């Protein structure tokens, strides 16, 4: 019988699509804002930073900037 306790497999759902996050429409966190601001400056893409976006949108922009900067490995 399989162990049904999700804590026994903590990485099974470690990467969810931000569009499916329960709290995805909440405002981005302070940590996300700071990281997004830093990445947007490093990528010379100031339009990528917007302090009014949601957690999910911030995550997508962070991923896109990391890819652009070659940090996604």
C-alpha atoms as a PDB file:
ATOM      1  CA  UNK A   1       0.000   0.000   0.000  1.00  0.00           C
ATOM      2  CA  UNK A   2       1.366   3.414  -0.982  1.00  0.00           C
ATOM      3  CA  UNK A   3       2.074   5.965   1.712  1.00  0.00           C
ATOM      4  CA  UNK A   4      -0.640   8.613   1.319  1.00  0.00           C
ATOM      5  CA  UNK A   5       1.085  11.172   3.541  1.00  0.00           C
ATOM      6  CA  UNK A   6       2.208  14.042   1.238  1.00  0.00           C
ATOM      7  CA  UNK A   7       5.041  14.856   3.649  1.00  0.00           C
ATOM      8  CA  UNK A   8       6.633  11.520   2.751  1.00  0.00           C
ATOM      9  CA  UNK A   9       7.213  12.932  -0.763  1.00  0.00           C
ATOM     10  CA  UNK A  10       7.847  16.642  -0.183  1.00  0.00           C
ATOM     11  CA  UNK A  11       9.170  17.313  -3.686  1.00  0.00           C
ATOM     12  CA  UNK A  12       6.354  15.666  -5.641  1.00  0.00           C
ATOM     13  CA  UNK A  13       4.624  18.988  -6.173  1.00  0.00           C
ATOM     14  CA  UNK A  14       7.538  21.323  -5.536  1.00  0.00           C
ATOM     15  CA  UNK A  15       7.130  23.044  -8.903  1.00  0.00           C
ATOM     16  CA  UNK A  16       3.601  24.120  -9.656  1.00  0.00           C
ATOM     17  CA  UNK A  17       2.550  26.352 -12.484  1.00  0.00           C
ATOM     18  CA  UNK A  18       2.108  29.833 -10.982  1.00  0.00           C
ATOM     19  CA  UNK A  19      -1.262  30.052 -12.747  1.00  0.00           C
ATOM     20  CA  UNK A  20      -2.442  27.222 -10.482  1.00  0.00           C
ATOM     21  CA  UNK A  21      -1.275  28.713  -7.182  1.00  0.00           C
ATOM     22  CA  UNK A  22      -4.045  29.183  -4.634  1.00  0.00           C
ATOM     23  CA  UNK A  23      -2.461  32.470  -3.529  1.00  0.00           C
ATOM     24  CA  UNK A  24      -1.246  33.452  -7.002  1.00  0.00           C
ATOM     25  CA  UNK A  25      -3.386  36.569  -7.170  1.00  0.00           C
ATOM     26  CA  UNK A  26      -2.026  37.895  -3.868  1.00  0.00           C
ATOM     27  CA  UNK A  27       0.444  40.773  -4.145  1.00  0.00           C
ATOM     28  CA  UNK A  28       4.022  39.679  -4.711  1.00  0.00           C
ATOM     29  CA  UNK A  29       6.111  39.179  -1.606  1.00  0.00           C
ATOM     30  CA  UNK A  30       8.868  41.519  -0.504  1.00  0.00           C
ATOM     31  CA  UNK A  31      11.450  38.907  -1.423  1.00  0.00           C
ATOM     32  CA  UNK A  32       9.991  38.566  -4.914  1.00  0.00           C
ATOM     33  CA  UNK A  33       9.951  42.353  -5.351  1.00  0.00           C
ATOM     34  CA  UNK A  34      13.582  42.650  -4.310  1.00  0.00           C
ATOM     35  CA  UNK A  35      14.740  39.793  -6.543  1.00  0.00           C
ATOM     36  CA  UNK A  36      12.668  40.982  -9.502  1.00  0.00           C
ATOM     37  CA  UNK A  37      14.079  44.502  -9.150  1.00  0.00           C
ATOM     38  CA  UNK A  38      17.642  43.137  -9.031  1.00  0.00           C
ATOM     39  CA  UNK A  39      17.130  40.863 -12.040  1.00  0.00           C
ATOM     40  CA  UNK A  40      15.427  43.585 -14.074  1.00  0.00           C
ATOM     41  CA  UNK A  41      18.407  45.875 -13.452  1.00  0.00           C
ATOM     42  CA  UNK A  42      20.919  43.128 -14.333  1.00  0.00           C
ATOM     43  CA  UNK A  43      19.001  42.341 -17.528  1.00  0.00           C
ATOM     44  CA  UNK A  44      18.739  46.039 -18.418  1.00  0.00           C
ATOM     45  CA  UNK A  45      14.968  45.543 -18.591  1.00  0.00           C
ATOM     46  CA  UNK A  46      13.392  48.089 -16.221  1.00  0.00           C
ATOM     47  CA  UNK A  47       9.913  47.410 -17.621  1.00  0.00           C
ATOM     48  CA  UNK A  48      10.047  43.895 -16.135  1.00  0.00           C
ATOM     49  CA  UNK A  49       9.672  45.399 -12.661  1.00  0.00           C
ATOM     50  CA  UNK A  50       6.215  46.515 -11.571  1.00  0.00           C
ATOM     51  CA  UNK A  51       5.449  46.730  -7.874  1.00  0.00           C
ATOM     52  CA  UNK A  52       1.723  46.142  -8.427  1.00  0.00           C
ATOM     53  CA  UNK A  53       1.856  42.635  -9.905  1.00  0.00           C
ATOM     54  CA  UNK A  54       0.696  39.394  -8.305  1.00  0.00           C
ATOM     55  CA  UNK A  55       2.815  36.628  -6.808  1.00  0.00           C
ATOM     56  CA  UNK A  56       2.170  34.432  -9.830  1.00  0.00           C
ATOM     57  CA  UNK A  57       3.113  37.146 -12.335  1.00  0.00           C
ATOM     58  CA  UNK A  58       6.245  37.996 -10.346  1.00  0.00           C
ATOM     59  CA  UNK A  59       7.279  34.347 -10.421  1.00  0.00           C
ATOM     60  CA  UNK A  60       6.837  34.192 -14.198  1.00  0.00           C
ATOM     61  CA  UNK A  61       8.835  37.390 -14.708  1.00  0.00           C
ATOM     62  CA  UNK A  62      11.594  36.172 -12.404  1.00  0.00           C
ATOM     63  CA  UNK A  63      11.817  32.904 -14.355  1.00  0.00           C
ATOM     64  CA  UNK A  64      11.923  34.790 -17.675  1.00  0.00           C
ATOM     65  CA  UNK A  65      14.667  37.135 -16.462  1.00  0.00           C
ATOM     66  CA  UNK A  66      16.691  34.254 -15.036  1.00  0.00           C
ATOM     67  CA  UNK A  67      16.483  32.539 -18.420  1.00  0.00           C
ATOM     68  CA  UNK A  68      17.484  35.745 -20.209  1.00  0.00           C
ATOM     69  CA  UNK A  69      20.486  36.114 -17.906  1.00  0.00           C
ATOM     70  CA  UNK A  70      21.456  32.435 -18.153  1.00  0.00           C
ATOM     71  CA  UNK A  71      20.684  31.797 -14.485  1.00  0.00           C
ATOM     72  CA  UNK A  72      18.081  29.107 -15.063  1.00  0.00           C
ATOM     73  CA  UNK A  73      20.392  26.102 -14.924  1.00  0.00           C
END
